[in-house]
PDB file of all heavy atoms in Angstrom:
ATOM      1  N   GLY A   1      34.606 -37.434  27.359  1.00  0.00           N
ATOM      2  CA  GLY A   1      33.727 -37.913  28.476  1.00  0.00           C
ATOM      3  C   GLY A   1      32.386 -37.252  28.511  1.00  0.00           C
ATOM      4  O   GLY A   1      32.232 -35.948  28.337  1.00  0.00           O
ATOM      5  N   ARG A   2      31.293 -38.025  28.673  1.00  0.00           N
ATOM      6  CA  ARG A   2      29.874 -37.470  28.748  1.00  0.00           C
ATOM      7  C   ARG A   2      29.345 -37.901  30.103  1.00  0.00           C
ATOM      8  O   ARG A   2      29.418 -39.044  30.542  1.00  0.00           O
ATOM      9  CB  ARG A   2      29.054 -38.031  27.590  1.00  0.00           C
ATOM     10  CG  ARG A   2      29.605 -37.814  26.243  1.00  0.00           C
ATOM     11  CD  ARG A   2      28.684 -38.424  25.199  1.00  0.00           C
ATOM     12  NE  ARG A   2      28.405 -39.844  25.348  1.00  0.00           N
ATOM     13  CZ  ARG A   2      29.166 -40.880  25.109  1.00  0.00           C
ATOM     14  NH1 ARG A   2      30.337 -40.670  24.629  1.00  0.00           N
ATOM     15  NH2 ARG A   2      28.737 -42.059  25.386  1.00  0.00           N
ATOM     16  N   ILE A   3      28.612 -37.025  30.682  1.00  0.00           N
ATOM     17  CA  ILE A   3      27.924 -37.276  31.969  1.00  0.00           C
ATOM     18  C   ILE A   3      26.670 -38.005  31.706  1.00  0.00           C
ATOM     19  O   ILE A   3      25.837 -37.544  30.972  1.00  0.00           O
ATOM     20  CB  ILE A   3      27.672 -35.919  32.723  1.00  0.00           C
ATOM     21  CG1 ILE A   3      28.961 -35.271  33.121  1.00  0.00           C
ATOM     22  CG2 ILE A   3      26.861 -36.295  33.977  1.00  0.00           C
ATOM     23  CD1 ILE A   3      28.748 -33.902  33.634  1.00  0.00           C
ATOM     24  N   VAL A   4      26.550 -39.303  32.134  1.00  0.00           N
ATOM     25  CA  VAL A   4      25.384 -40.110  31.763  1.00  0.00           C
ATOM     26  C   VAL A   4      24.428 -40.330  32.964  1.00  0.00           C
ATOM     27  O   VAL A   4      23.304 -40.731  32.840  1.00  0.00           O
ATOM     28  CB  VAL A   4      25.831 -41.475  31.278  1.00  0.00           C
ATOM     29  CG1 VAL A   4      26.573 -41.246  29.860  1.00  0.00           C
ATOM     30  CG2 VAL A   4      26.710 -42.246  32.209  1.00  0.00           C
ATOM     31  N   LYS A   5      25.042 -40.041  34.165  1.00  0.00           N
ATOM     32  CA  LYS A   5      24.134 -40.062  35.353  1.00  0.00           C
ATOM     33  C   LYS A   5      24.557 -39.089  36.305  1.00  0.00           C
ATOM     34  O   LYS A   5      25.706 -38.774  36.526  1.00  0.00           O
ATOM     35  CB  LYS A   5      24.233 -41.500  36.021  1.00  0.00           C
ATOM     36  CG  LYS A   5      23.558 -42.591  35.406  1.00  0.00           C
ATOM     37  CD  LYS A   5      23.612 -43.847  36.226  1.00  0.00           C
ATOM     38  CE  LYS A   5      22.858 -45.039  35.557  1.00  0.00           C
ATOM     39  NZ  LYS A   5      22.958 -46.255  36.315  1.00  0.00           N
ATOM     40  N   ILE A   6      23.527 -38.450  37.039  1.00  0.00           N
ATOM     41  CA  ILE A   6      23.723 -37.557  38.112  1.00  0.00           C
ATOM     42  C   ILE A   6      22.774 -37.963  39.255  1.00  0.00           C
ATOM     43  O   ILE A   6      21.572 -38.091  38.944  1.00  0.00           O
ATOM     44  CB  ILE A   6      23.512 -36.070  37.744  1.00  0.00           C
ATOM     45  CG1 ILE A   6      24.533 -35.566  36.705  1.00  0.00           C
ATOM     46  CG2 ILE A   6      23.641 -35.147  39.009  1.00  0.00           C
ATOM     47  CD1 ILE A   6      24.421 -34.237  36.270  1.00  0.00           C
ATOM     48  N   ASN A   7      23.318 -38.186  40.412  1.00  0.00           N
ATOM     49  CA  ASN A   7      22.436 -38.644  41.583  1.00  0.00           C
ATOM     50  C   ASN A   7      21.629 -39.895  41.157  1.00  0.00           C
ATOM     51  O   ASN A   7      20.451 -40.074  41.588  1.00  0.00           O
ATOM     52  CB  ASN A   7      21.529 -37.612  42.015  1.00  0.00           C
ATOM     53  CG  ASN A   7      22.296 -36.354  42.588  1.00  0.00           C
ATOM     54  OD1 ASN A   7      23.221 -36.536  43.336  1.00  0.00           O
ATOM     55  ND2 ASN A   7      21.866 -35.133  42.179  1.00  0.00           N
ATOM     56  N   GLY A   8      22.252 -40.782  40.362  1.00  0.00           N
ATOM     57  CA  GLY A   8      21.649 -42.014  40.064  1.00  0.00           C
ATOM     58  C   GLY A   8      20.578 -41.917  38.867  1.00  0.00           C
ATOM     59  O   GLY A   8      20.035 -42.934  38.502  1.00  0.00           O
ATOM     60  N   GLU A   9      20.371 -40.718  38.510  1.00  0.00           N
ATOM     61  CA  GLU A   9      19.348 -40.593  37.387  1.00  0.00           C
ATOM     62  C   GLU A   9      20.063 -40.438  35.972  1.00  0.00           C
ATOM     63  O   GLU A   9      21.066 -39.738  35.943  1.00  0.00           O
ATOM     64  CB  GLU A   9      18.540 -39.306  37.574  1.00  0.00           C
ATOM     65  CG  GLU A   9      17.706 -39.323  38.819  1.00  0.00           C
ATOM     66  CD  GLU A   9      16.536 -40.371  38.745  1.00  0.00           C
ATOM     67  OE1 GLU A   9      16.011 -40.610  37.690  1.00  0.00           O
ATOM     68  OE2 GLU A   9      16.308 -40.972  39.875  1.00  0.00           O
ATOM     69  N   LYS A  10      19.513 -41.084  34.967  1.00  0.00           N
ATOM     70  CA  LYS A  10      20.093 -41.001  33.566  1.00  0.00           C
ATOM     71  C   LYS A  10      20.017 -39.658  33.141  1.00  0.00           C
ATOM     72  O   LYS A  10      18.986 -38.983  33.158  1.00  0.00           O
ATOM     73  CB  LYS A  10      19.388 -42.047  32.674  1.00  0.00           C
ATOM     74  CG  LYS A  10      19.875 -43.467  32.871  1.00  0.00           C
ATOM     75  CD  LYS A  10      19.343 -44.273  31.701  1.00  0.00           C
ATOM     76  CE  LYS A  10      19.844 -45.689  31.870  1.00  0.00           C
ATOM     77  NZ  LYS A  10      19.421 -46.585  30.775  1.00  0.00           N
ATOM     78  N   VAL A  11      21.109 -39.066  32.533  1.00  0.00           N
ATOM     79  CA  VAL A  11      21.073 -37.911  31.857  1.00  0.00           C
ATOM     80  C   VAL A  11      20.836 -37.956  30.384  1.00  0.00           C
ATOM     81  O   VAL A  11      20.134 -37.124  29.744  1.00  0.00           O
ATOM     82  CB  VAL A  11      22.480 -37.187  32.085  1.00  0.00           C
ATOM     83  CG1 VAL A  11      22.525 -35.838  31.249  1.00  0.00           C
ATOM     84  CG2 VAL A  11      22.681 -36.809  33.519  1.00  0.00           C
ATOM     85  N   GLU A  12      21.287 -38.955  29.792  1.00  0.00           N
ATOM     86  CA  GLU A  12      21.025 -39.251  28.329  1.00  0.00           C
ATOM     87  C   GLU A  12      21.151 -40.731  28.111  1.00  0.00           C
ATOM     88  O   GLU A  12      21.652 -41.554  28.846  1.00  0.00           O
ATOM     89  CB  GLU A  12      22.076 -38.485  27.480  1.00  0.00           C
ATOM     90  CG  GLU A  12      23.538 -38.951  27.770  1.00  0.00           C
ATOM     91  CD  GLU A  12      24.496 -38.209  26.890  1.00  0.00           C
ATOM     92  OE1 GLU A  12      24.820 -37.046  27.267  1.00  0.00           O
ATOM     93  OE2 GLU A  12      24.848 -38.797  25.890  1.00  0.00           O
ATOM     94  N   GLU A  13      20.602 -41.176  26.927  1.00  0.00           N
ATOM     95  CA  GLU A  13      20.635 -42.562  26.597  1.00  0.00           C
ATOM     96  C   GLU A  13      22.096 -42.783  25.985  1.00  0.00           C
ATOM     97  O   GLU A  13      22.468 -42.164  25.037  1.00  0.00           O
ATOM     98  CB  GLU A  13      19.515 -42.877  25.536  1.00  0.00           C
ATOM     99  CG  GLU A  13      19.377 -44.362  25.211  1.00  0.00           C
ATOM    100  CD  GLU A  13      18.809 -45.082  26.425  1.00  0.00           C
ATOM    101  OE1 GLU A  13      18.102 -44.419  27.251  1.00  0.00           O
ATOM    102  OE2 GLU A  13      19.099 -46.309  26.573  1.00  0.00           O
ATOM    103  N   THR A  14      22.744 -43.805  26.482  1.00  0.00           N
ATOM    104  CA  THR A  14      24.083 -44.064  25.982  1.00  0.00           C
ATOM    105  C   THR A  14      24.433 -45.554  26.310  1.00  0.00           C
ATOM    106  O   THR A  14      23.771 -46.150  27.068  1.00  0.00           O
ATOM    107  CB  THR A  14      25.090 -43.190  26.692  1.00  0.00           C
ATOM    108  OG1 THR A  14      26.329 -43.389  26.012  1.00  0.00           O
ATOM    109  CG2 THR A  14      25.299 -43.532  28.095  1.00  0.00           C
ATOM    110  N   ILE A  15      25.382 -46.029  25.592  1.00  0.00           N
ATOM    111  CA  ILE A  15      25.797 -47.368  25.763  1.00  0.00           C
ATOM    112  C   ILE A  15      26.962 -47.348  26.780  1.00  0.00           C
ATOM    113  O   ILE A  15      28.007 -46.725  26.460  1.00  0.00           O
ATOM    114  CB  ILE A  15      26.271 -48.058  24.483  1.00  0.00           C
ATOM    115  CG1 ILE A  15      25.047 -48.149  23.579  1.00  0.00           C
ATOM    116  CG2 ILE A  15      26.884 -49.359  24.738  1.00  0.00           C
ATOM    117  CD1 ILE A  15      25.372 -48.671  22.231  1.00  0.00           C
ATOM    118  N   CYS A  16      26.881 -47.895  27.946  1.00  0.00           N
ATOM    119  CA  CYS A  16      27.957 -47.842  28.955  1.00  0.00           C
ATOM    120  C   CYS A  16      28.256 -49.147  29.509  1.00  0.00           C
ATOM    121  O   CYS A  16      28.638 -49.313  30.698  1.00  0.00           O
ATOM    122  CB  CYS A  16      27.704 -46.673  29.951  1.00  0.00           C
ATOM    123  SG  CYS A  16      26.066 -46.908  30.842  1.00  0.00           S
ATOM    124  N   ASN A  17      27.919 -50.180  28.808  1.00  0.00           N
ATOM    125  CA  ASN A  17      27.957 -51.599  29.335  1.00  0.00           C
ATOM    126  C   ASN A  17      28.971 -52.428  28.603  1.00  0.00           C
ATOM    127  O   ASN A  17      28.966 -53.635  28.655  1.00  0.00           O
ATOM    128  CB  ASN A  17      26.587 -52.288  29.301  1.00  0.00           C
ATOM    129  CG  ASN A  17      26.130 -52.385  27.899  1.00  0.00           C
ATOM    130  OD1 ASN A  17      26.736 -51.907  26.969  1.00  0.00           O
ATOM    131  ND2 ASN A  17      24.906 -53.003  27.870  1.00  0.00           N
ATOM    132  N   LEU A  18      29.875 -51.771  27.854  1.00  0.00           N
ATOM    133  CA  LEU A  18      30.958 -52.429  27.102  1.00  0.00           C
ATOM    134  C   LEU A  18      30.384 -53.467  26.170  1.00  0.00           C
ATOM    135  O   LEU A  18      31.026 -54.505  25.778  1.00  0.00           O
ATOM    136  CB  LEU A  18      31.971 -53.119  28.134  1.00  0.00           C
ATOM    137  CG  LEU A  18      32.657 -52.272  29.016  1.00  0.00           C
ATOM    138  CD1 LEU A  18      33.621 -53.001  29.888  1.00  0.00           C
ATOM    139  CD2 LEU A  18      33.430 -51.102  28.312  1.00  0.00           C
ATOM    140  N   ASP A  19      29.129 -53.200  25.611  1.00  0.00           N
ATOM    141  CA  ASP A  19      28.571 -54.077  24.599  1.00  0.00           C
ATOM    142  C   ASP A  19      29.170 -53.685  23.187  1.00  0.00           C
ATOM    143  O   ASP A  19      28.586 -52.820  22.414  1.00  0.00           O
ATOM    144  CB  ASP A  19      27.006 -53.996  24.578  1.00  0.00           C
ATOM    145  CG  ASP A  19      26.332 -54.906  23.606  1.00  0.00           C
ATOM    146  OD1 ASP A  19      27.122 -55.604  22.926  1.00  0.00           O
ATOM    147  OD2 ASP A  19      25.244 -54.888  23.457  1.00  0.00           O
ATOM    148  N   HIS A  20      30.307 -54.255  22.823  1.00  0.00           N
ATOM    149  CA  HIS A  20      30.973 -53.808  21.644  1.00  0.00           C
ATOM    150  C   HIS A  20      30.212 -54.312  20.320  1.00  0.00           C
ATOM    151  O   HIS A  20      30.613 -53.792  19.261  1.00  0.00           O
ATOM    152  CB  HIS A  20      32.432 -54.357  21.518  1.00  0.00           C
ATOM    153  CG  HIS A  20      33.194 -53.840  22.680  1.00  0.00           C
ATOM    154  ND1 HIS A  20      33.648 -52.479  22.677  1.00  0.00           N
ATOM    155  CD2 HIS A  20      33.792 -54.492  23.839  1.00  0.00           C
ATOM    156  CE1 HIS A  20      34.319 -52.308  23.819  1.00  0.00           C
ATOM    157  NE2 HIS A  20      34.415 -53.435  24.453  1.00  0.00           N
ATOM    158  N   MET A  21      29.250 -55.148  20.464  1.00  0.00           N
ATOM    159  CA  MET A  21      28.447 -55.580  19.281  1.00  0.00           C
ATOM    160  C   MET A  21      27.468 -54.551  18.835  1.00  0.00           C
ATOM    161  O   MET A  21      26.921 -54.641  17.765  1.00  0.00           O
ATOM    162  CB  MET A  21      27.821 -56.943  19.570  1.00  0.00           C
ATOM    163  CG  MET A  21      28.746 -58.114  19.807  1.00  0.00           C
ATOM    164  SD  MET A  21      29.785 -58.433  18.365  1.00  0.00           S
ATOM    165  CE  MET A  21      28.542 -59.028  17.177  1.00  0.00           C
ATOM    166  N   HIS A  22      27.138 -53.629  19.759  1.00  0.00           N
ATOM    167  CA  HIS A  22      26.166 -52.638  19.434  1.00  0.00           C
ATOM    168  C   HIS A  22      26.517 -51.237  19.642  1.00  0.00           C
ATOM    169  O   HIS A  22      25.798 -50.348  20.208  1.00  0.00           O
ATOM    170  CB  HIS A  22      24.873 -52.915  20.208  1.00  0.00           C
ATOM    171  CG  HIS A  22      24.288 -54.322  20.025  1.00  0.00           C
ATOM    172  ND1 HIS A  22      24.660 -55.380  20.781  1.00  0.00           N
ATOM    173  CD2 HIS A  22      23.411 -54.756  19.077  1.00  0.00           C
ATOM    174  CE1 HIS A  22      23.994 -56.460  20.373  1.00  0.00           C
ATOM    175  NE2 HIS A  22      23.218 -56.072  19.276  1.00  0.00           N
ATOM    176  N   LEU A  23      27.715 -50.911  19.305  1.00  0.00           N
ATOM    177  CA  LEU A  23      28.218 -49.538  19.431  1.00  0.00           C
ATOM    178  C   LEU A  23      27.607 -48.642  18.253  1.00  0.00           C
ATOM    179  O   LEU A  23      27.367 -49.120  17.243  1.00  0.00           O
ATOM    180  CB  LEU A  23      29.772 -49.461  19.264  1.00  0.00           C
ATOM    181  CG  LEU A  23      30.574 -50.168  20.438  1.00  0.00           C
ATOM    182  CD1 LEU A  23      32.005 -50.222  20.026  1.00  0.00           C
ATOM    183  CD2 LEU A  23      30.337 -49.347  21.681  1.00  0.00           C
ATOM    184  N   PRO A  24      27.427 -47.382  18.554  1.00  0.00           N
ATOM    185  CA  PRO A  24      26.859 -46.452  17.533  1.00  0.00           C
ATOM    186  C   PRO A  24      27.887 -46.373  16.420  1.00  0.00           C
ATOM    187  O   PRO A  24      29.059 -46.371  16.535  1.00  0.00           O
ATOM    188  CB  PRO A  24      26.737 -45.112  18.346  1.00  0.00           C
ATOM    189  CG  PRO A  24      27.613 -45.243  19.486  1.00  0.00           C
ATOM    190  CD  PRO A  24      27.670 -46.682  19.862  1.00  0.00           C
ATOM    191  N   ASP A  25      27.342 -46.204  15.091  1.00  0.00           N
ATOM    192  CA  ASP A  25      28.137 -46.112  13.935  1.00  0.00           C
ATOM    193  C   ASP A  25      27.654 -44.902  13.179  1.00  0.00           C
ATOM    194  O   ASP A  25      26.763 -44.999  12.288  1.00  0.00           O
ATOM    195  CB  ASP A  25      27.971 -47.404  13.143  1.00  0.00           C
ATOM    196  CG  ASP A  25      28.922 -47.389  11.972  1.00  0.00           C
ATOM    197  OD1 ASP A  25      29.574 -46.309  11.644  1.00  0.00           O
ATOM    198  OD2 ASP A  25      29.218 -48.510  11.372  1.00  0.00           O
ATOM    199  N   PRO A  26      28.316 -43.654  13.405  1.00  0.00           N
ATOM    200  CA  PRO A  26      27.810 -42.467  12.744  1.00  0.00           C
ATOM    201  C   PRO A  26      27.946 -42.540  11.246  1.00  0.00           C
ATOM    202  O   PRO A  26      27.199 -41.972  10.486  1.00  0.00           O
ATOM    203  CB  PRO A  26      28.680 -41.406  13.387  1.00  0.00           C
ATOM    204  CG  PRO A  26      29.873 -42.032  13.986  1.00  0.00           C
ATOM    205  CD  PRO A  26      29.338 -43.401  14.336  1.00  0.00           C
ATOM    206  N   ILE A  27      29.043 -43.193  10.685  1.00  0.00           N
ATOM    207  CA  ILE A  27      29.218 -43.304   9.264  1.00  0.00           C
ATOM    208  C   ILE A  27      28.128 -44.094   8.612  1.00  0.00           C
ATOM    209  O   ILE A  27      27.480 -43.691   7.605  1.00  0.00           O
ATOM    210  CB  ILE A  27      30.576 -43.894   8.914  1.00  0.00           C
ATOM    211  CG1 ILE A  27      31.682 -43.083   9.449  1.00  0.00           C
ATOM    212  CG2 ILE A  27      30.704 -44.212   7.417  1.00  0.00           C
ATOM    213  CD1 ILE A  27      33.098 -43.641   9.307  1.00  0.00           C
ATOM    214  N   LYS A  28      27.739 -45.210   9.259  1.00  0.00           N
ATOM    215  CA  LYS A  28      26.585 -46.026   8.733  1.00  0.00           C
ATOM    216  C   LYS A  28      25.297 -45.223   8.737  1.00  0.00           C
ATOM    217  O   LYS A  28      24.563 -45.291   7.814  1.00  0.00           O
ATOM    218  CB  LYS A  28      26.389 -47.337   9.634  1.00  0.00           C
ATOM    219  CG  LYS A  28      25.296 -48.204   9.152  1.00  0.00           C
ATOM    220  CD  LYS A  28      25.146 -49.410  10.072  1.00  0.00           C
ATOM    221  CE  LYS A  28      23.971 -50.204   9.748  1.00  0.00           C
ATOM    222  NZ  LYS A  28      23.669 -51.278  10.672  1.00  0.00           N
ATOM    223  N   ASP A  29      25.053 -44.454   9.794  1.00  0.00           N
ATOM    224  CA  ASP A  29      23.907 -43.558   9.881  1.00  0.00           C
ATOM    225  C   ASP A  29      23.894 -42.597   8.744  1.00  0.00           C
ATOM    226  O   ASP A  29      22.776 -42.357   8.137  1.00  0.00           O
ATOM    227  CB  ASP A  29      23.824 -42.947  11.228  1.00  0.00           C
ATOM    228  CG  ASP A  29      23.644 -43.839  12.390  1.00  0.00           C
ATOM    229  OD1 ASP A  29      23.215 -44.911  12.185  1.00  0.00           O
ATOM    230  OD2 ASP A  29      23.860 -43.461  13.534  1.00  0.00           O
ATOM    231  N   GLU A  30      24.995 -41.968   8.430  1.00  0.00           N
ATOM    232  CA  GLU A  30      25.102 -40.981   7.318  1.00  0.00           C
ATOM    233  C   GLU A  30      24.751 -41.671   6.008  1.00  0.00           C
ATOM    234  O   GLU A  30      24.105 -41.139   5.105  1.00  0.00           O
ATOM    235  CB  GLU A  30      26.452 -40.409   7.261  1.00  0.00           C
ATOM    236  CG  GLU A  30      26.672 -39.353   8.395  1.00  0.00           C
ATOM    237  CD  GLU A  30      25.920 -38.145   8.244  1.00  0.00           C
ATOM    238  OE1 GLU A  30      25.579 -37.837   7.157  1.00  0.00           O
ATOM    239  OE2 GLU A  30      25.732 -37.450   9.254  1.00  0.00           O
ATOM    240  N   LEU A  31      25.353 -42.859   5.793  1.00  0.00           N
ATOM    241  CA  LEU A  31      25.162 -43.571   4.544  1.00  0.00           C
ATOM    242  C   LEU A  31      23.581 -43.983   4.375  1.00  0.00           C
ATOM    243  O   LEU A  31      23.005 -43.924   3.246  1.00  0.00           O
ATOM    244  CB  LEU A  31      26.027 -44.862   4.448  1.00  0.00           C
ATOM    245  CG  LEU A  31      27.511 -44.549   4.366  1.00  0.00           C
ATOM    246  CD1 LEU A  31      28.247 -45.917   4.450  1.00  0.00           C
ATOM    247  CD2 LEU A  31      27.795 -43.963   2.947  1.00  0.00           C
ATOM    248  N   GLU A  32      23.035 -44.371   5.516  1.00  0.00           N
ATOM    249  CA  GLU A  32      21.564 -44.754   5.438  1.00  0.00           C
ATOM    250  C   GLU A  32      20.766 -43.525   5.055  1.00  0.00           C
ATOM    251  O   GLU A  32      19.802 -43.625   4.352  1.00  0.00           O
ATOM    252  CB  GLU A  32      21.157 -45.358   6.847  1.00  0.00           C
ATOM    253  CG  GLU A  32      21.691 -46.706   7.147  1.00  0.00           C
ATOM    254  CD  GLU A  32      21.093 -47.782   6.247  1.00  0.00           C
ATOM    255  OE1 GLU A  32      20.033 -47.597   5.674  1.00  0.00           O
ATOM    256  OE2 GLU A  32      21.731 -48.823   6.154  1.00  0.00           O
ATOM    257  N   GLU A  33      21.137 -42.362   5.698  1.00  0.00           N
ATOM    258  CA  GLU A  33      20.371 -41.084   5.320  1.00  0.00           C
ATOM    259  C   GLU A  33      20.589 -40.725   3.863  1.00  0.00           C
ATOM    260  O   GLU A  33      19.659 -40.317   3.167  1.00  0.00           O
ATOM    261  CB  GLU A  33      20.907 -40.061   6.252  1.00  0.00           C
ATOM    262  CG  GLU A  33      20.136 -38.720   6.154  1.00  0.00           C
ATOM    263  CD  GLU A  33      18.724 -38.891   6.643  1.00  0.00           C
ATOM    264  OE1 GLU A  33      18.418 -39.729   7.530  1.00  0.00           O
ATOM    265  OE2 GLU A  33      17.851 -38.175   6.124  1.00  0.00           O
ATOM    266  N   LEU A  34      21.777 -40.960   3.334  1.00  0.00           N
ATOM    267  CA  LEU A  34      22.095 -40.599   1.967  1.00  0.00           C
ATOM    268  C   LEU A  34      21.301 -41.571   1.075  1.00  0.00           C
ATOM    269  O   LEU A  34      20.800 -41.126   0.011  1.00  0.00           O
ATOM    270  CB  LEU A  34      23.580 -40.780   1.709  1.00  0.00           C
ATOM    271  CG  LEU A  34      24.165 -40.405   0.278  1.00  0.00           C
ATOM    272  CD1 LEU A  34      23.779 -38.951  -0.041  1.00  0.00           C
ATOM    273  CD2 LEU A  34      25.609 -40.582   0.224  1.00  0.00           C
ATOM    274  N   LYS A  35      21.325 -42.843   1.371  1.00  0.00           N
ATOM    275  CA  LYS A  35      20.545 -43.881   0.586  1.00  0.00           C
ATOM    276  C   LYS A  35      19.033 -43.492   0.504  1.00  0.00           C
ATOM    277  O   LYS A  35      18.383 -43.575  -0.493  1.00  0.00           O
ATOM    278  CB  LYS A  35      20.737 -45.173   1.180  1.00  0.00           C
ATOM    279  CG  LYS A  35      19.980 -46.350   0.454  1.00  0.00           C
ATOM    280  CD  LYS A  35      20.281 -47.675   1.114  1.00  0.00           C
ATOM    281  CE  LYS A  35      19.493 -48.810   0.438  1.00  0.00           C
ATOM    282  NZ  LYS A  35      19.694 -50.069   1.115  1.00  0.00           N
ATOM    283  N   LYS A  36      18.508 -42.982   1.667  1.00  0.00           N
ATOM    284  CA  LYS A  36      17.159 -42.657   1.761  1.00  0.00           C
ATOM    285  C   LYS A  36      16.842 -41.475   0.825  1.00  0.00           C
ATOM    286  O   LYS A  36      15.852 -41.352   0.159  1.00  0.00           O
ATOM    287  CB  LYS A  36      16.803 -42.309   3.192  1.00  0.00           C
ATOM    288  CG  LYS A  36      15.255 -42.159   3.447  1.00  0.00           C
ATOM    289  CD  LYS A  36      14.977 -41.786   4.938  1.00  0.00           C
ATOM    290  CE  LYS A  36      15.556 -42.798   5.865  1.00  0.00           C
ATOM    291  NZ  LYS A  36      15.252 -42.490   7.293  1.00  0.00           N
ATOM    292  N   ARG A  37      17.781 -40.507   0.756  1.00  0.00           N
ATOM    293  CA  ARG A  37      17.613 -39.226   0.014  1.00  0.00           C
ATOM    294  C   ARG A  37      17.691 -39.617  -1.485  1.00  0.00           C
ATOM    295  O   ARG A  37      16.887 -39.081  -2.283  1.00  0.00           O
ATOM    296  CB  ARG A  37      18.764 -38.305   0.355  1.00  0.00           C
ATOM    297  CG  ARG A  37      18.635 -36.972  -0.449  1.00  0.00           C
ATOM    298  CD  ARG A  37      17.365 -36.180  -0.132  1.00  0.00           C
ATOM    299  NE  ARG A  37      17.456 -34.956  -0.838  1.00  0.00           N
ATOM    300  CZ  ARG A  37      16.311 -34.226  -1.097  1.00  0.00           C
ATOM    301  NH1 ARG A  37      15.176 -34.699  -0.782  1.00  0.00           N
ATOM    302  NH2 ARG A  37      16.411 -33.106  -1.744  1.00  0.00           N
ATOM    303  N   ILE A  38      18.537 -40.560  -1.868  1.00  0.00           N
ATOM    304  CA  ILE A  38      18.714 -41.005  -3.213  1.00  0.00           C
ATOM    305  C   ILE A  38      17.368 -41.634  -3.730  1.00  0.00           C
ATOM    306  O   ILE A  38      16.921 -41.419  -4.810  1.00  0.00           O
ATOM    307  CB  ILE A  38      19.936 -41.972  -3.466  1.00  0.00           C
ATOM    308  CG1 ILE A  38      21.255 -41.097  -3.262  1.00  0.00           C
ATOM    309  CG2 ILE A  38      19.905 -42.628  -4.805  1.00  0.00           C
ATOM    310  CD1 ILE A  38      22.444 -42.004  -3.193  1.00  0.00           C
ATOM    311  N   ASN A  39      16.866 -42.497  -2.826  1.00  0.00           N
ATOM    312  CA  ASN A  39      15.597 -43.193  -3.160  1.00  0.00           C
ATOM    313  C   ASN A  39      14.511 -42.192  -3.388  1.00  0.00           C
ATOM    314  O   ASN A  39      13.630 -42.303  -4.342  1.00  0.00           O
ATOM    315  CB  ASN A  39      15.199 -44.138  -2.055  1.00  0.00           C
ATOM    316  CG  ASN A  39      16.109 -45.358  -2.092  1.00  0.00           C
ATOM    317  OD1 ASN A  39      16.684 -45.730  -3.066  1.00  0.00           O
ATOM    318  ND2 ASN A  39      16.184 -46.051  -0.884  1.00  0.00           N
TER     319      ASN A  39
END
């Protein structure tokens, strides 16, 4: 669990609307970073 709002103010940027088409993908991010380094 992450605190995303306190007193109605956003604490951090996060997906909290059940949009399963745009969930963060840390593995994809790592592969993109690796691809960039190889290039």
